[in-house]
């Protein structure tokens, strides 16, 4: 199995990234069932309209064909994680030979600010949408009118931020399409 530049296998690297995000978002608390999605926090005055709670098929936002076009590598079969705690779902696509890998995830909007407060995230201006970057999390992208936010992270040997922005542009185009 191919290892990353830091000596981790691709599945282990994807698991480390996912575990870091889940830990930072408060996923897996004592009062949560592993089979349930935590309901978003109650509405604030700014959220007087009902929020869209449907998370799309995350693998449809960035396909294996997109992966090959962006990276030049043949994509392996995307791996999907179902909702658990604050996590609303993930889709991870990696090269058949290992890195790079692309993670697209959705989390409860009510957890976004606390997640960003735990890391040194900086605003991203070159995406055309509100977004924040952190080397561990990747891009955190709020979704207007939805009760979930999008996370996009590309891990590989090249500039992860620039590649993450490219993936996010494709995903947002399909999402807002």
N, C-alpha and C. Protein backbone atom coordinates (compact mmCIF):
# COMPACT_ATOMS: atom_id res chain seq x y z
N UNK A 1 0.86 -1.18 0.00
CA UNK A 1 0.00 0.00 0.00
C UNK A 1 0.90 1.24 0.00
N UNK A 2 0.57 2.21 -0.79
CA UNK A 2 1.37 3.42 -0.91
C UNK A 2 1.27 4.26 0.35
N UNK A 3 2.39 4.88 0.72
CA UNK A 3 2.39 5.75 1.89
C UNK A 3 2.55 7.19 1.47
N UNK A 4 2.10 8.07 2.35
CA UNK A 4 2.20 9.50 2.10
C UNK A 4 3.61 9.97 2.42
N UNK A 5 3.93 11.24 2.11
CA UNK A 5 5.24 11.78 2.43
C UNK A 5 5.52 11.76 3.93
N UNK A 6 4.50 11.71 4.75
CA UNK A 6 4.72 11.67 6.20
C UNK A 6 4.67 10.25 6.73
N UNK A 7 4.66 9.24 5.85
CA UNK A 7 4.75 7.86 6.26
C UNK A 7 3.43 7.20 6.60
N UNK A 8 2.30 7.81 6.29
CA UNK A 8 0.99 7.22 6.57
C UNK A 8 0.41 6.63 5.29
N UNK A 9 -0.26 5.49 5.41
CA UNK A 9 -0.97 4.96 4.25
C UNK A 9 -2.13 5.89 3.95
N UNK A 10 -2.63 5.86 2.71
CA UNK A 10 -3.72 6.76 2.31
C UNK A 10 -4.96 6.57 3.18
N UNK A 11 -5.42 5.31 3.40
CA UNK A 11 -6.60 5.18 4.28
C UNK A 11 -6.34 5.72 5.69
N UNK A 12 -5.13 5.50 6.20
CA UNK A 12 -4.82 6.00 7.53
C UNK A 12 -4.77 7.53 7.54
N UNK A 13 -4.21 8.15 6.48
CA UNK A 13 -4.18 9.61 6.39
C UNK A 13 -5.59 10.17 6.33
N UNK A 14 -6.47 9.55 5.53
CA UNK A 14 -7.86 10.00 5.45
C UNK A 14 -8.53 9.86 6.81
N UNK A 15 -8.25 8.77 7.52
CA UNK A 15 -8.84 8.58 8.85
C UNK A 15 -8.33 9.62 9.83
N UNK A 16 -7.05 9.98 9.75
CA UNK A 16 -6.48 10.99 10.64
C UNK A 16 -7.14 12.35 10.39
N UNK A 17 -7.31 12.72 9.10
CA UNK A 17 -7.95 13.99 8.77
C UNK A 17 -9.39 14.00 9.28
N UNK A 18 -10.13 12.92 9.02
CA UNK A 18 -11.52 12.83 9.47
C UNK A 18 -11.60 12.87 10.99
N UNK A 19 -10.73 12.14 11.68
CA UNK A 19 -10.74 12.13 13.15
C UNK A 19 -10.45 13.52 13.71
N UNK A 20 -9.50 14.24 13.10
CA UNK A 20 -9.18 15.59 13.57
C UNK A 20 -10.38 16.51 13.42
N UNK A 21 -11.05 16.42 12.30
CA UNK A 21 -12.22 17.27 12.08
C UNK A 21 -13.33 16.91 13.06
N UNK A 22 -13.56 15.62 13.24
CA UNK A 22 -14.62 15.20 14.16
C UNK A 22 -14.31 15.63 15.59
N UNK A 23 -13.05 15.52 15.98
CA UNK A 23 -12.68 15.94 17.34
C UNK A 23 -12.85 17.45 17.50
N UNK A 24 -12.45 18.20 16.49
CA UNK A 24 -12.57 19.65 16.57
C UNK A 24 -14.02 20.11 16.53
N UNK A 25 -14.89 19.32 15.89
CA UNK A 25 -16.29 19.74 15.81
C UNK A 25 -17.12 19.22 16.96
N UNK A 26 -16.51 18.52 17.88
CA UNK A 26 -17.23 18.04 19.06
C UNK A 26 -18.02 16.79 18.80
N UNK A 27 -17.68 16.05 17.76
CA UNK A 27 -18.41 14.84 17.43
C UNK A 27 -18.13 13.75 18.43
N UNK A 28 -19.17 12.94 18.73
CA UNK A 28 -18.97 11.78 19.57
C UNK A 28 -19.06 12.04 21.05
N UNK A 29 -19.81 13.01 21.48
CA UNK A 29 -19.96 13.29 22.90
C UNK A 29 -20.68 12.17 23.61
N UNK A 30 -20.72 12.22 24.96
CA UNK A 30 -21.29 11.16 25.77
C UNK A 30 -22.77 10.96 25.55
N UNK A 31 -23.52 11.99 25.21
CA UNK A 31 -24.96 11.87 25.11
C UNK A 31 -25.44 11.58 23.70
N UNK A 32 -24.54 11.29 22.79
CA UNK A 32 -24.92 11.07 21.40
C UNK A 32 -24.92 9.59 21.09
N UNK A 33 -25.83 9.19 20.25
CA UNK A 33 -25.85 7.83 19.73
C UNK A 33 -25.08 7.82 18.42
N UNK A 34 -24.33 6.77 18.18
CA UNK A 34 -23.55 6.69 16.94
C UNK A 34 -24.45 6.60 15.72
N UNK A 35 -25.73 6.25 15.91
CA UNK A 35 -26.64 6.12 14.78
C UNK A 35 -27.42 7.39 14.49
N UNK A 36 -27.25 8.43 15.28
CA UNK A 36 -28.05 9.64 15.12
C UNK A 36 -27.20 10.80 14.64
N UNK A 37 -27.84 11.70 13.93
CA UNK A 37 -27.24 12.98 13.60
C UNK A 37 -27.74 13.97 14.64
N UNK A 38 -26.84 14.75 15.21
CA UNK A 38 -27.23 15.72 16.21
C UNK A 38 -28.04 16.81 15.53
N UNK A 39 -29.17 17.14 16.09
CA UNK A 39 -30.01 18.20 15.52
C UNK A 39 -29.29 19.53 15.65
N UNK A 40 -29.44 20.40 14.65
CA UNK A 40 -28.82 21.72 14.73
C UNK A 40 -29.38 22.50 15.91
N UNK A 41 -28.59 23.47 16.36
CA UNK A 41 -29.02 24.32 17.46
C UNK A 41 -30.31 25.05 17.09
N UNK A 42 -31.05 25.50 18.09
CA UNK A 42 -32.30 26.20 17.82
C UNK A 42 -32.06 27.46 17.01
N UNK A 43 -33.11 27.90 16.35
CA UNK A 43 -32.98 29.07 15.46
C UNK A 43 -32.62 30.33 16.22
N UNK A 44 -31.82 31.14 15.56
CA UNK A 44 -31.50 32.46 16.07
C UNK A 44 -32.42 33.44 15.36
N UNK A 45 -32.55 34.67 15.85
CA UNK A 45 -33.41 35.64 15.18
C UNK A 45 -33.07 35.84 13.71
N UNK A 46 -31.78 35.70 13.34
CA UNK A 46 -31.39 35.89 11.95
C UNK A 46 -31.88 34.74 11.08
N UNK A 47 -32.25 33.59 11.68
CA UNK A 47 -32.67 32.42 10.93
C UNK A 47 -34.18 32.25 11.00
N UNK A 48 -34.93 33.30 10.74
CA UNK A 48 -36.38 33.22 10.86
C UNK A 48 -36.99 32.32 9.79
N UNK A 49 -36.31 32.14 8.65
CA UNK A 49 -36.80 31.25 7.62
C UNK A 49 -36.29 29.84 7.90
N UNK A 50 -37.07 28.86 7.50
CA UNK A 50 -36.66 27.47 7.69
C UNK A 50 -35.42 27.19 6.85
N UNK A 51 -34.48 26.48 7.43
CA UNK A 51 -33.24 26.14 6.74
C UNK A 51 -33.40 24.82 5.99
N UNK A 52 -32.71 24.71 4.88
CA UNK A 52 -32.68 23.47 4.10
C UNK A 52 -31.82 22.47 4.85
N UNK A 53 -32.37 21.32 5.17
CA UNK A 53 -31.64 20.32 5.94
C UNK A 53 -31.09 19.19 5.08
N UNK A 54 -31.43 19.18 3.80
CA UNK A 54 -31.00 18.09 2.92
C UNK A 54 -29.55 18.28 2.48
N UNK A 55 -28.73 17.28 2.76
CA UNK A 55 -27.34 17.27 2.29
C UNK A 55 -27.33 16.45 1.00
N UNK A 56 -26.78 17.00 -0.07
CA UNK A 56 -26.78 16.25 -1.34
C UNK A 56 -25.80 15.08 -1.27
N UNK A 57 -25.83 14.24 -2.30
CA UNK A 57 -24.84 13.19 -2.46
C UNK A 57 -23.49 13.89 -2.65
N UNK A 58 -22.65 13.84 -1.64
CA UNK A 58 -21.39 14.58 -1.68
C UNK A 58 -20.46 14.08 -2.79
N UNK A 59 -20.57 12.80 -3.16
CA UNK A 59 -19.73 12.28 -4.24
C UNK A 59 -20.15 12.81 -5.61
N UNK A 60 -21.37 13.37 -5.71
CA UNK A 60 -21.79 13.96 -6.98
C UNK A 60 -21.23 15.36 -7.16
N UNK A 61 -20.70 15.96 -6.08
CA UNK A 61 -20.15 17.31 -6.16
C UNK A 61 -18.75 17.34 -6.75
N UNK A 62 -18.02 16.23 -6.63
CA UNK A 62 -16.67 16.12 -7.19
C UNK A 62 -16.48 14.65 -7.53
N UNK A 63 -16.50 14.33 -8.82
CA UNK A 63 -16.53 12.95 -9.29
C UNK A 63 -15.12 12.40 -9.53
N UNK A 64 -15.01 11.08 -9.71
CA UNK A 64 -13.71 10.52 -10.08
C UNK A 64 -13.16 11.12 -11.38
N UNK A 65 -14.06 11.48 -12.29
CA UNK A 65 -13.61 12.13 -13.54
C UNK A 65 -13.01 13.51 -13.24
N UNK A 66 -13.64 14.25 -12.33
CA UNK A 66 -13.08 15.54 -11.91
C UNK A 66 -11.72 15.34 -11.27
N UNK A 67 -11.61 14.31 -10.44
CA UNK A 67 -10.35 14.00 -9.76
C UNK A 67 -9.24 13.77 -10.78
N UNK A 68 -9.52 12.94 -11.80
CA UNK A 68 -8.51 12.65 -12.81
C UNK A 68 -8.14 13.90 -13.61
N UNK A 69 -9.14 14.72 -13.94
CA UNK A 69 -8.86 15.95 -14.68
C UNK A 69 -8.00 16.91 -13.86
N UNK A 70 -8.25 16.99 -12.58
CA UNK A 70 -7.52 17.92 -11.71
C UNK A 70 -6.11 17.42 -11.39
N UNK A 71 -5.98 16.12 -11.11
CA UNK A 71 -4.71 15.59 -10.61
C UNK A 71 -3.88 14.86 -11.66
N UNK A 72 -4.54 14.41 -12.74
CA UNK A 72 -3.83 13.59 -13.71
C UNK A 72 -3.71 12.14 -13.26
N UNK A 73 -4.26 11.82 -12.10
CA UNK A 73 -4.20 10.47 -11.54
C UNK A 73 -5.55 9.78 -11.71
N UNK A 74 -5.54 8.48 -11.93
CA UNK A 74 -6.78 7.71 -11.98
C UNK A 74 -7.31 7.57 -10.56
N UNK A 75 -8.61 7.86 -10.39
CA UNK A 75 -9.23 7.81 -9.07
C UNK A 75 -9.62 6.39 -8.70
N UNK A 76 -9.45 6.07 -7.43
CA UNK A 76 -9.99 4.82 -6.91
C UNK A 76 -11.48 5.03 -6.65
N UNK A 77 -12.13 4.01 -6.14
CA UNK A 77 -13.55 4.09 -5.81
C UNK A 77 -13.75 5.04 -4.63
N UNK A 78 -14.65 6.03 -4.76
CA UNK A 78 -14.90 6.95 -3.64
C UNK A 78 -15.40 6.18 -2.41
N UNK A 79 -14.97 6.63 -1.22
CA UNK A 79 -15.41 6.05 0.03
C UNK A 79 -16.38 7.01 0.70
N UNK A 80 -17.51 6.49 1.17
CA UNK A 80 -18.56 7.30 1.76
C UNK A 80 -18.70 6.96 3.24
N UNK A 81 -18.79 7.98 4.08
CA UNK A 81 -19.11 7.80 5.50
C UNK A 81 -20.47 8.43 5.73
N UNK A 82 -21.32 7.72 6.42
CA UNK A 82 -22.67 8.19 6.71
C UNK A 82 -22.66 9.14 7.89
N UNK A 83 -23.79 9.77 8.14
CA UNK A 83 -23.95 10.73 9.23
C UNK A 83 -23.69 10.07 10.58
N UNK A 84 -23.02 10.83 11.47
CA UNK A 84 -22.75 10.40 12.83
C UNK A 84 -22.40 11.64 13.65
N UNK A 85 -23.17 11.92 14.68
CA UNK A 85 -22.90 13.09 15.50
C UNK A 85 -23.05 14.36 14.68
N UNK A 86 -22.05 15.23 14.73
CA UNK A 86 -22.08 16.49 13.98
C UNK A 86 -21.81 16.26 12.49
N UNK A 87 -21.25 15.12 12.15
CA UNK A 87 -20.94 14.78 10.77
C UNK A 87 -22.21 14.42 10.02
N UNK A 88 -22.45 15.07 8.89
CA UNK A 88 -23.63 14.79 8.08
C UNK A 88 -23.32 13.83 6.94
N UNK A 89 -22.04 13.60 6.66
CA UNK A 89 -21.61 12.67 5.62
C UNK A 89 -20.30 13.10 5.01
N UNK A 90 -19.58 12.15 4.38
CA UNK A 90 -18.33 12.45 3.69
C UNK A 90 -18.25 11.66 2.39
N UNK A 91 -17.40 12.14 1.51
CA UNK A 91 -17.00 11.41 0.32
C UNK A 91 -15.49 11.65 0.16
N UNK A 92 -14.72 10.58 0.16
CA UNK A 92 -13.27 10.67 0.00
C UNK A 92 -12.87 9.94 -1.26
N UNK A 93 -12.15 10.64 -2.13
CA UNK A 93 -11.65 10.05 -3.36
C UNK A 93 -10.14 10.18 -3.34
N UNK A 94 -9.45 9.08 -3.63
CA UNK A 94 -7.99 9.14 -3.69
C UNK A 94 -7.52 8.44 -4.96
N UNK A 95 -6.26 8.71 -5.29
CA UNK A 95 -5.66 8.06 -6.46
C UNK A 95 -5.56 6.57 -6.19
N UNK A 96 -5.65 5.77 -7.24
CA UNK A 96 -5.50 4.33 -7.07
C UNK A 96 -4.16 3.99 -6.44
N UNK A 97 -3.17 4.82 -6.69
CA UNK A 97 -1.82 4.56 -6.17
C UNK A 97 -1.57 5.22 -4.82
N UNK A 98 -2.55 5.91 -4.26
CA UNK A 98 -2.36 6.57 -2.96
C UNK A 98 -2.75 8.02 -3.01
N UNK A 99 -1.81 8.91 -2.74
CA UNK A 99 -2.07 10.34 -2.76
C UNK A 99 -2.08 10.84 -4.20
N UNK A 100 -2.78 11.93 -4.45
CA UNK A 100 -3.51 12.80 -3.54
C UNK A 100 -4.87 12.20 -3.17
N UNK A 101 -5.49 12.83 -2.16
CA UNK A 101 -6.85 12.45 -1.81
C UNK A 101 -7.68 13.72 -1.64
N UNK A 102 -8.98 13.59 -1.93
CA UNK A 102 -9.92 14.70 -1.82
C UNK A 102 -11.01 14.27 -0.85
N UNK A 103 -11.23 15.09 0.18
CA UNK A 103 -12.30 14.85 1.15
C UNK A 103 -13.32 15.96 1.02
N UNK A 104 -14.58 15.58 0.83
CA UNK A 104 -15.69 16.53 0.86
C UNK A 104 -16.61 16.04 1.97
N UNK A 105 -16.92 16.92 2.91
CA UNK A 105 -17.74 16.54 4.06
C UNK A 105 -18.77 17.63 4.35
N UNK A 106 -19.82 17.24 5.04
CA UNK A 106 -20.83 18.18 5.51
C UNK A 106 -20.99 17.99 7.01
N UNK A 107 -21.07 19.10 7.74
CA UNK A 107 -21.21 19.11 9.20
C UNK A 107 -22.35 20.05 9.58
N UNK A 108 -22.88 19.85 10.78
CA UNK A 108 -23.91 20.75 11.29
C UNK A 108 -23.41 22.18 11.32
N UNK A 109 -24.18 23.09 10.75
CA UNK A 109 -23.84 24.53 10.76
C UNK A 109 -23.67 25.02 12.20
N UNK A 110 -24.45 24.49 13.11
CA UNK A 110 -24.38 24.94 14.51
C UNK A 110 -23.02 24.68 15.14
N UNK A 111 -22.20 23.82 14.53
CA UNK A 111 -20.87 23.52 15.07
C UNK A 111 -19.75 24.27 14.36
N UNK A 112 -20.08 24.99 13.30
CA UNK A 112 -19.03 25.63 12.49
C UNK A 112 -18.19 26.62 13.27
N UNK A 113 -18.83 27.55 13.97
CA UNK A 113 -18.06 28.59 14.66
C UNK A 113 -17.17 28.01 15.74
N UNK A 114 -17.67 27.04 16.49
CA UNK A 114 -16.84 26.44 17.55
C UNK A 114 -15.66 25.68 16.94
N UNK A 115 -15.86 25.06 15.79
CA UNK A 115 -14.77 24.39 15.10
C UNK A 115 -13.71 25.39 14.66
N UNK A 116 -14.15 26.50 14.05
CA UNK A 116 -13.20 27.52 13.61
C UNK A 116 -12.49 28.18 14.78
N UNK A 117 -13.19 28.33 15.91
CA UNK A 117 -12.58 28.95 17.09
C UNK A 117 -11.45 28.11 17.67
N UNK A 118 -11.46 26.79 17.42
CA UNK A 118 -10.43 25.89 17.97
C UNK A 118 -9.16 25.84 17.14
N UNK A 119 -9.19 26.41 15.95
CA UNK A 119 -8.02 26.37 15.06
C UNK A 119 -7.69 27.78 14.58
N UNK A 120 -6.55 27.91 13.99
CA UNK A 120 -6.13 29.19 13.43
C UNK A 120 -6.55 29.23 11.97
N UNK A 121 -7.85 29.49 11.73
CA UNK A 121 -8.37 29.53 10.36
C UNK A 121 -8.34 30.96 9.85
N UNK A 122 -7.99 31.09 8.59
CA UNK A 122 -7.94 32.42 7.97
C UNK A 122 -8.97 32.52 6.86
N UNK A 123 -9.55 33.70 6.67
CA UNK A 123 -10.52 33.88 5.59
C UNK A 123 -9.87 33.63 4.22
N UNK A 124 -10.64 33.09 3.30
CA UNK A 124 -10.18 32.84 1.94
C UNK A 124 -10.93 33.79 1.02
N UNK A 125 -10.19 34.58 0.28
CA UNK A 125 -10.81 35.59 -0.58
C UNK A 125 -10.93 35.14 -2.04
N UNK A 126 -10.20 34.11 -2.45
CA UNK A 126 -10.15 33.76 -3.86
C UNK A 126 -11.14 32.68 -4.28
N UNK A 127 -12.19 32.44 -3.48
CA UNK A 127 -13.16 31.41 -3.81
C UNK A 127 -14.47 31.99 -4.34
N UNK A 128 -14.75 33.24 -4.03
CA UNK A 128 -16.01 33.84 -4.46
C UNK A 128 -17.17 33.49 -3.56
N UNK A 129 -16.89 32.87 -2.44
CA UNK A 129 -17.90 32.53 -1.42
C UNK A 129 -17.21 32.65 -0.07
N UNK A 130 -17.99 32.86 0.98
CA UNK A 130 -17.41 32.90 2.32
C UNK A 130 -16.74 31.56 2.59
N UNK A 131 -15.48 31.60 3.01
CA UNK A 131 -14.74 30.38 3.29
C UNK A 131 -13.56 30.68 4.20
N UNK A 132 -13.10 29.65 4.90
CA UNK A 132 -11.98 29.76 5.84
C UNK A 132 -11.04 28.59 5.59
N UNK A 133 -9.72 28.85 5.74
CA UNK A 133 -8.71 27.83 5.49
C UNK A 133 -7.93 27.54 6.76
N UNK A 134 -7.67 26.25 6.98
CA UNK A 134 -6.77 25.79 8.03
C UNK A 134 -6.06 24.56 7.46
N UNK A 135 -4.76 24.44 7.72
CA UNK A 135 -3.99 23.33 7.14
C UNK A 135 -4.54 21.96 7.53
N UNK A 136 -5.11 21.83 8.71
CA UNK A 136 -5.66 20.55 9.16
C UNK A 136 -7.05 20.31 8.60
N UNK A 137 -7.91 21.32 8.69
CA UNK A 137 -9.30 21.17 8.26
C UNK A 137 -9.49 21.28 6.75
N UNK A 138 -8.67 22.07 6.10
CA UNK A 138 -8.90 22.41 4.71
C UNK A 138 -9.81 23.62 4.67
N UNK A 139 -10.71 23.66 3.69
CA UNK A 139 -11.66 24.77 3.55
C UNK A 139 -12.93 24.48 4.33
N UNK A 140 -13.42 25.46 5.05
CA UNK A 140 -14.72 25.41 5.72
C UNK A 140 -15.57 26.45 5.01
N UNK A 141 -16.71 25.99 4.43
CA UNK A 141 -17.51 26.85 3.58
C UNK A 141 -18.97 26.85 4.06
N UNK A 142 -19.41 27.94 4.70
CA UNK A 142 -20.81 28.02 5.12
C UNK A 142 -21.73 27.97 3.90
N UNK A 143 -22.92 27.42 4.08
CA UNK A 143 -23.90 27.34 2.99
C UNK A 143 -25.13 28.15 3.37
N UNK A 144 -25.33 29.26 2.69
CA UNK A 144 -26.45 30.14 3.00
C UNK A 144 -27.78 29.40 2.85
N UNK A 145 -28.63 29.53 3.86
CA UNK A 145 -29.95 28.91 3.82
C UNK A 145 -29.96 27.44 4.16
N UNK A 146 -28.83 26.89 4.58
CA UNK A 146 -28.75 25.47 4.90
C UNK A 146 -28.30 25.30 6.35
N UNK A 147 -28.66 24.17 6.94
CA UNK A 147 -28.26 23.93 8.32
C UNK A 147 -26.98 23.11 8.41
N UNK A 148 -26.18 23.13 7.36
CA UNK A 148 -24.91 22.41 7.32
C UNK A 148 -23.88 23.25 6.56
N UNK A 149 -22.61 22.97 6.85
CA UNK A 149 -21.54 23.63 6.10
C UNK A 149 -20.71 22.57 5.40
N UNK A 150 -19.99 23.00 4.40
CA UNK A 150 -19.18 22.11 3.58
C UNK A 150 -17.72 22.22 3.99
N UNK A 151 -17.04 21.09 4.00
CA UNK A 151 -15.60 21.07 4.21
C UNK A 151 -14.97 20.42 3.00
N UNK A 152 -13.92 21.04 2.47
CA UNK A 152 -13.20 20.50 1.32
C UNK A 152 -11.72 20.49 1.66
N UNK A 153 -11.11 19.32 1.57
CA UNK A 153 -9.68 19.21 1.87
C UNK A 153 -9.01 18.33 0.83
N UNK A 154 -7.92 18.82 0.28
CA UNK A 154 -7.09 18.03 -0.62
C UNK A 154 -5.77 17.82 0.09
N UNK A 155 -5.36 16.57 0.18
CA UNK A 155 -4.09 16.23 0.81
C UNK A 155 -3.22 15.53 -0.22
N UNK A 156 -2.00 16.02 -0.36
CA UNK A 156 -1.09 15.45 -1.34
C UNK A 156 0.27 16.09 -1.21
N UNK A 157 1.04 15.98 -2.26
CA UNK A 157 2.40 16.51 -2.24
C UNK A 157 2.47 17.96 -2.69
N UNK A 158 1.42 18.46 -3.35
CA UNK A 158 1.42 19.82 -3.87
C UNK A 158 0.72 20.77 -2.89
N UNK A 159 0.49 22.01 -3.34
CA UNK A 159 -0.17 23.02 -2.53
C UNK A 159 -1.62 22.62 -2.24
N UNK A 160 -1.88 22.18 -1.02
CA UNK A 160 -3.20 21.70 -0.65
C UNK A 160 -4.26 22.80 -0.72
N UNK A 161 -3.89 24.04 -0.37
CA UNK A 161 -4.87 25.13 -0.38
C UNK A 161 -5.35 25.43 -1.79
N UNK A 162 -4.43 25.60 -2.71
CA UNK A 162 -4.82 25.92 -4.09
C UNK A 162 -5.66 24.79 -4.69
N UNK A 163 -5.27 23.55 -4.45
CA UNK A 163 -6.03 22.41 -4.96
C UNK A 163 -7.40 22.34 -4.28
N UNK A 164 -7.46 22.63 -2.98
CA UNK A 164 -8.74 22.63 -2.26
C UNK A 164 -9.68 23.69 -2.83
N UNK A 165 -9.15 24.86 -3.18
CA UNK A 165 -9.97 25.92 -3.77
C UNK A 165 -10.51 25.45 -5.13
N UNK A 166 -9.68 24.77 -5.93
CA UNK A 166 -10.14 24.27 -7.23
C UNK A 166 -11.27 23.26 -7.05
N UNK A 167 -11.11 22.35 -6.10
CA UNK A 167 -12.16 21.35 -5.84
C UNK A 167 -13.43 22.04 -5.36
N UNK A 168 -13.27 23.00 -4.45
CA UNK A 168 -14.44 23.72 -3.91
C UNK A 168 -15.19 24.46 -5.01
N UNK A 169 -14.47 25.06 -5.96
CA UNK A 169 -15.12 25.76 -7.07
C UNK A 169 -16.02 24.81 -7.86
N UNK A 170 -15.50 23.62 -8.14
CA UNK A 170 -16.29 22.61 -8.88
C UNK A 170 -17.49 22.18 -8.05
N UNK A 171 -17.25 21.86 -6.78
CA UNK A 171 -18.33 21.40 -5.90
C UNK A 171 -19.41 22.46 -5.73
N UNK A 172 -19.01 23.72 -5.53
CA UNK A 172 -19.99 24.79 -5.35
C UNK A 172 -20.77 25.05 -6.62
N UNK A 173 -20.12 24.96 -7.78
CA UNK A 173 -20.83 25.12 -9.05
C UNK A 173 -21.94 24.07 -9.18
N UNK A 174 -21.62 22.83 -8.82
CA UNK A 174 -22.63 21.76 -8.90
C UNK A 174 -23.70 21.95 -7.84
N UNK A 175 -23.29 22.36 -6.67
CA UNK A 175 -24.24 22.52 -5.55
C UNK A 175 -25.22 23.64 -5.84
N UNK A 176 -24.73 24.74 -6.37
CA UNK A 176 -25.56 25.92 -6.60
C UNK A 176 -26.13 25.97 -8.01
N UNK A 177 -25.75 24.99 -8.82
CA UNK A 177 -26.02 24.84 -10.17
C UNK A 177 -27.08 25.18 -10.98
